[in-house]
């Protein structure tokens, strides 16, 4: 059908890329077909992002963000490791500690503190007879009594 004096437009005349139009059609069909109000809202937001990509953030918008997230993930992992350790190993647990390096001679001892996160990144525990904390990665649990 033509409007008076205006020829029909072909897809090539659109000012919106064809893949964007296709994505919008697919998202709107999905929104119409769903019975979930939250899905309809999500599809509507997806259409908004597809049609207005300039509102999306990019790495260059937030310098250092990836590094900040990586540090937070590492810290989170350390805290989760400490929580698991403390749940399984009370103070006084017999251990073999490897100060400095696991390649060296292990020292049979026992823990004298709960595990903790040192400096926001290292999971450690304090053991009898060794000054400073020992990384949990340098501790082996011993079976039997304390040394």
Protein backbone atom coordinates (compact mmCIF):
# COMPACT_ATOMS: atom_id res chain seq x y z
CA UNK A 1 0.00 0.00 0.00
CA UNK A 2 1.27 3.45 -0.79
CA UNK A 3 0.49 6.72 0.85
CA UNK A 4 -0.54 9.43 -1.55
CA UNK A 5 2.56 10.50 -3.45
CA UNK A 6 5.00 8.56 -1.18
CA UNK A 7 6.43 5.33 -2.60
CA UNK A 8 6.84 2.38 -0.21
CA UNK A 9 10.22 2.21 1.51
CA UNK A 10 12.47 -0.77 1.17
CA UNK A 11 14.45 -2.20 4.06
CA UNK A 12 17.57 -0.59 2.59
CA UNK A 13 16.02 2.85 3.14
CA UNK A 14 15.68 2.39 6.89
CA UNK A 15 17.93 4.47 9.12
CA UNK A 16 18.13 1.57 11.57
CA UNK A 17 20.31 -1.49 10.83
CA UNK A 18 18.32 -4.58 9.82
CA UNK A 19 19.78 -6.67 12.66
CA UNK A 20 18.55 -4.10 15.18
CA UNK A 21 15.05 -4.23 13.69
CA UNK A 22 15.12 -8.04 13.75
CA UNK A 23 16.25 -8.07 17.39
CA UNK A 24 13.48 -5.65 18.38
CA UNK A 25 10.85 -7.72 16.59
CA UNK A 26 12.08 -10.91 18.29
CA UNK A 27 12.14 -9.26 21.73
CA UNK A 28 8.68 -7.75 21.32
CA UNK A 29 7.26 -11.10 20.17
CA UNK A 30 8.82 -12.79 23.20
CA UNK A 31 7.37 -10.12 25.50
CA UNK A 32 3.93 -10.66 24.00
CA UNK A 33 4.16 -14.45 24.34
CA UNK A 34 5.29 -14.59 27.98
CA UNK A 35 2.97 -14.78 30.97
CA UNK A 36 5.59 -13.37 33.34
CA UNK A 37 5.44 -9.68 34.14
CA UNK A 38 9.13 -9.65 35.10
CA UNK A 39 10.02 -11.22 31.73
CA UNK A 40 7.97 -8.56 29.92
CA UNK A 41 9.86 -5.86 31.80
CA UNK A 42 13.20 -7.51 30.98
CA UNK A 43 12.31 -7.77 27.29
CA UNK A 44 11.29 -4.10 27.27
CA UNK A 45 14.64 -3.14 28.81
CA UNK A 46 16.41 -5.30 26.23
CA UNK A 47 14.62 -3.43 23.43
CA UNK A 48 15.76 -0.16 25.00
CA UNK A 49 19.39 -1.33 25.06
CA UNK A 50 19.24 -2.65 21.49
CA UNK A 51 17.79 0.60 20.17
CA UNK A 52 19.97 2.88 22.31
CA UNK A 53 23.39 1.22 22.67
CA UNK A 54 24.96 4.54 23.64
CA UNK A 55 23.56 4.09 27.17
CA UNK A 56 25.68 0.96 27.67
CA UNK A 57 28.89 1.38 29.63
CA UNK A 58 32.22 0.30 28.22
CA UNK A 59 35.54 -0.48 29.84
CA UNK A 60 36.95 2.87 28.76
CA UNK A 61 34.11 4.61 30.65
CA UNK A 62 35.50 3.29 33.94
CA UNK A 63 39.31 3.06 33.90
CA UNK A 64 40.64 0.50 36.35
CA UNK A 65 37.24 -1.13 36.88
CA UNK A 66 38.35 -4.60 35.71
CA UNK A 67 41.30 -4.51 38.12
CA UNK A 68 39.04 -3.37 40.97
CA UNK A 69 36.64 -6.25 40.30
CA UNK A 70 39.55 -8.73 40.15
CA UNK A 71 40.84 -7.50 43.54
CA UNK A 72 37.35 -7.78 45.06
CA UNK A 73 36.97 -11.33 43.73
CA UNK A 74 40.36 -12.33 45.16
CA UNK A 75 39.49 -10.79 48.53
CA UNK A 76 36.12 -12.53 48.51
CA UNK A 77 37.83 -15.86 47.80
CA UNK A 78 40.25 -15.31 50.70
CA UNK A 79 37.41 -14.54 53.13
CA UNK A 80 35.41 -17.57 51.97
CA UNK A 81 38.49 -19.78 52.45
CA UNK A 82 38.92 -18.43 55.99
CA UNK A 83 35.26 -19.09 56.84
CA UNK A 84 35.51 -22.68 55.55
CA UNK A 85 38.79 -23.23 57.46
CA UNK A 86 37.41 -21.87 60.75
CA UNK A 87 34.26 -23.99 60.44
CA UNK A 88 36.32 -27.16 59.99
CA UNK A 89 39.40 -26.50 62.17
CA UNK A 90 39.12 -25.08 65.70
CA UNK A 91 41.99 -23.39 67.51
CA UNK A 92 44.45 -26.08 68.64
CA UNK A 93 44.16 -28.14 65.45
CA UNK A 94 47.38 -30.13 64.93
CA UNK A 95 49.06 -29.04 61.70
CA UNK A 96 52.29 -29.22 59.77
CA UNK A 97 53.41 -25.71 58.82
CA UNK A 98 55.77 -24.83 56.00
CA UNK A 99 57.07 -21.31 56.70
CA UNK A 100 58.43 -19.52 53.65
CA UNK A 101 58.06 -22.34 51.16
CA UNK A 102 56.37 -25.72 50.97
CA UNK A 103 59.67 -27.06 49.60
CA UNK A 104 61.30 -26.73 53.01
CA UNK A 105 61.04 -28.90 56.10
CA UNK A 106 57.58 -28.92 57.67
CA UNK A 107 57.19 -28.11 61.37
CA UNK A 108 54.68 -30.11 63.41
CA UNK A 109 52.72 -27.65 65.54
CA UNK A 110 49.15 -26.56 66.31
CA UNK A 111 47.06 -23.52 65.47
CA UNK A 112 46.75 -20.87 68.17
CA UNK A 113 44.29 -18.57 66.38
CA UNK A 114 41.41 -18.71 64.00
CA UNK A 115 42.31 -18.17 60.37
CA UNK A 116 42.08 -14.56 59.18
CA UNK A 117 42.60 -12.46 56.09
CA UNK A 118 45.79 -10.43 56.21
CA UNK A 119 46.00 -7.23 54.17
CA UNK A 120 42.71 -7.97 52.44
CA UNK A 121 44.22 -10.72 50.30
CA UNK A 122 46.04 -13.49 52.18
CA UNK A 123 44.34 -16.21 54.23
CA UNK A 124 46.60 -17.02 57.19
CA UNK A 125 46.60 -18.71 60.59
CA UNK A 126 48.95 -18.24 63.56
CA UNK A 127 50.63 -21.40 64.84
CA UNK A 128 52.62 -22.24 67.98
CA UNK A 129 56.37 -21.74 67.74
CA UNK A 130 56.44 -19.68 64.54
CA UNK A 131 56.35 -15.89 64.57
CA UNK A 132 53.90 -14.31 62.18
CA UNK A 133 51.11 -15.97 60.32
CA UNK A 134 51.39 -18.90 57.93
CA UNK A 135 49.39 -18.92 54.70
CA UNK A 136 46.70 -21.58 54.70
CA UNK A 137 48.25 -22.85 51.48
CA UNK A 138 51.35 -23.67 53.57
CA UNK A 139 49.49 -25.69 56.21
CA UNK A 140 48.68 -29.41 56.25
CA UNK A 141 46.27 -30.86 58.82
CA UNK A 142 47.77 -33.65 60.92
CA UNK A 143 45.80 -36.46 62.44
CA UNK A 144 46.50 -37.28 66.06
CA UNK A 145 47.33 -35.11 69.05
CA UNK A 146 49.04 -31.73 69.28
CA UNK A 147 52.83 -31.60 69.20
